[in-house]
Protein backbone atom coordinates (compact mmCIF):
# COMPACT_ATOMS: atom_id res chain seq x y z
CA UNK A 1 -7.25 -0.95 -15.52
CA UNK A 2 -8.25 2.24 -13.78
CA UNK A 3 -7.56 2.96 -10.14
CA UNK A 4 -9.80 4.28 -7.40
CA UNK A 5 -9.17 8.04 -7.57
CA UNK A 6 -10.90 8.68 -4.24
CA UNK A 7 -8.46 6.37 -2.44
CA UNK A 8 -5.56 7.90 -4.41
CA UNK A 9 -6.51 11.39 -3.17
CA UNK A 10 -6.79 10.14 0.41
CA UNK A 11 -3.35 8.53 0.04
CA UNK A 12 -1.87 11.79 -1.27
CA UNK A 13 -3.24 13.60 1.76
CA UNK A 14 -1.89 10.94 4.14
CA UNK A 15 1.57 11.01 2.53
CA UNK A 16 1.94 14.76 3.13
CA UNK A 17 3.52 13.90 6.49
CA UNK A 18 6.32 11.90 4.78
CA UNK A 19 9.26 13.17 2.75
CA UNK A 20 10.78 11.39 -0.23
CA UNK A 21 7.37 10.39 -1.69
CA UNK A 22 6.92 9.85 -5.41
CA UNK A 23 4.08 8.41 -7.48
CA UNK A 24 4.39 5.95 -10.34
CA UNK A 25 1.95 4.01 -12.44
CA UNK A 26 2.42 0.29 -11.74
CA UNK A 27 0.29 -2.84 -11.51
CA UNK A 28 -2.34 -1.13 -13.67
CA UNK A 29 -2.82 1.49 -10.97
CA UNK A 30 -0.95 4.12 -9.02
CA UNK A 31 1.83 3.34 -6.54
CA UNK A 32 3.48 5.50 -3.91
CA UNK A 33 7.19 5.12 -3.29
CA UNK A 34 9.28 6.25 -0.33
CA UNK A 35 12.96 6.85 -1.08
CA UNK A 36 12.47 4.89 -4.31
CA UNK A 37 10.81 1.82 -2.76
CA UNK A 38 7.19 0.89 -3.27
CA UNK A 39 5.18 1.45 -0.11
CA UNK A 40 1.58 1.08 -1.21
CA UNK A 41 -0.70 1.76 -4.11
CA UNK A 42 -4.19 1.66 -5.38
CA UNK A 43 -5.89 -0.28 -8.12
CA UNK A 44 -9.50 -1.14 -7.41
CA UNK A 45 -8.49 -1.48 -3.76
CA UNK A 46 -5.50 -0.57 -1.64
CA UNK A 47 -2.33 -2.64 -1.93
CA UNK A 48 0.29 -2.39 0.79
CA UNK A 49 3.87 -3.66 0.73
CA UNK A 50 4.40 -4.93 4.25
CA UNK A 51 7.48 -7.09 3.61
CA UNK A 52 7.98 -10.81 4.21
CA UNK A 53 8.39 -10.58 7.99
CA UNK A 54 5.09 -8.72 8.55
CA UNK A 55 3.14 -10.56 5.84
CA UNK A 56 1.32 -13.15 7.98
CA UNK A 57 0.45 -10.61 10.65
CA UNK A 58 -0.97 -8.24 8.02
CA UNK A 59 -3.11 -11.04 6.57
CA UNK A 60 -4.64 -11.50 10.02
CA UNK A 61 -6.04 -7.96 9.96
CA UNK A 62 -9.67 -7.31 9.05
CA UNK A 63 -10.28 -6.71 5.34
CA UNK A 64 -6.76 -7.82 4.30
CA UNK A 65 -6.15 -10.63 1.83
CA UNK A 66 -3.37 -12.11 -0.28
CA UNK A 67 -2.31 -10.17 -3.33
CA UNK A 68 -2.57 -12.50 -6.29
CA UNK A 69 -1.51 -10.51 -9.33
CA UNK A 70 -1.93 -12.11 -12.75
CA UNK A 71 -1.82 -15.57 -11.23
CA UNK A 72 1.23 -14.93 -9.06
CA UNK A 73 1.04 -14.66 -5.27
CA UNK A 74 3.09 -11.69 -4.05
CA UNK A 75 4.16 -12.54 -0.50
CA UNK A 76 5.26 -9.03 0.45
CA UNK A 77 2.02 -7.33 -0.54
CA UNK A 78 -1.56 -7.48 0.67
CA UNK A 79 -4.81 -6.09 -0.66
CA UNK A 80 -7.03 -4.18 1.74
CA UNK A 81 -10.74 -4.00 0.89
CA UNK A 82 -12.46 -0.63 0.97
CA UNK A 83 -14.33 -1.60 4.15
CA UNK A 84 -10.96 -1.55 5.91
CA UNK A 85 -10.29 2.05 4.84
CA UNK A 86 -13.46 3.76 5.97
CA UNK A 87 -11.74 5.96 8.56
CA UNK A 88 -8.70 8.14 8.02
CA UNK A 89 -7.14 6.39 11.02
CA UNK A 90 -7.43 2.95 9.41
CA UNK A 91 -5.97 4.25 6.15
CA UNK A 92 -3.12 5.89 8.09
CA UNK A 93 -2.44 2.58 9.84
CA UNK A 94 -2.00 0.77 6.52
CA UNK A 95 0.14 3.56 5.07
CA UNK A 96 2.35 3.46 8.16
CA UNK A 97 2.77 -0.32 7.79
CA UNK A 98 3.92 0.10 4.21
CA UNK A 99 6.12 3.05 5.12
CA UNK A 100 7.87 1.10 7.90
CA UNK A 101 8.93 -1.54 5.40
CA UNK A 102 9.91 0.88 2.62
CA UNK A 103 11.94 3.02 5.03
CA UNK A 104 13.76 -0.07 6.33
CA UNK A 105 15.32 -0.56 2.90
CA UNK A 106 18.40 1.35 1.69
CA UNK A 107 17.49 4.48 -0.28
CA UNK A 108 17.70 4.13 -4.03
């Protein structure tokens, strides 16, 4: 599976304000890690790791839906459709959600 390179480039630009960022191929796409923990990534659409406590709230946001990966529901991650990423501000909001959760975990 290929990932959306346009979204990946926008993510790279957004992550310039964070330290401890690495990229890794996962889920058939590209993921971004903060201090060794997955924060978000891109396949055909954005996936964001919000954590179990923020999961239901994230699902209530426009353009967000459950992440069902190969028949398994991942209850820490949500997909965000491209319509929800049209502005840099909306993309930044999703990146910040993922970053909050990743940064709450002990560094690897």
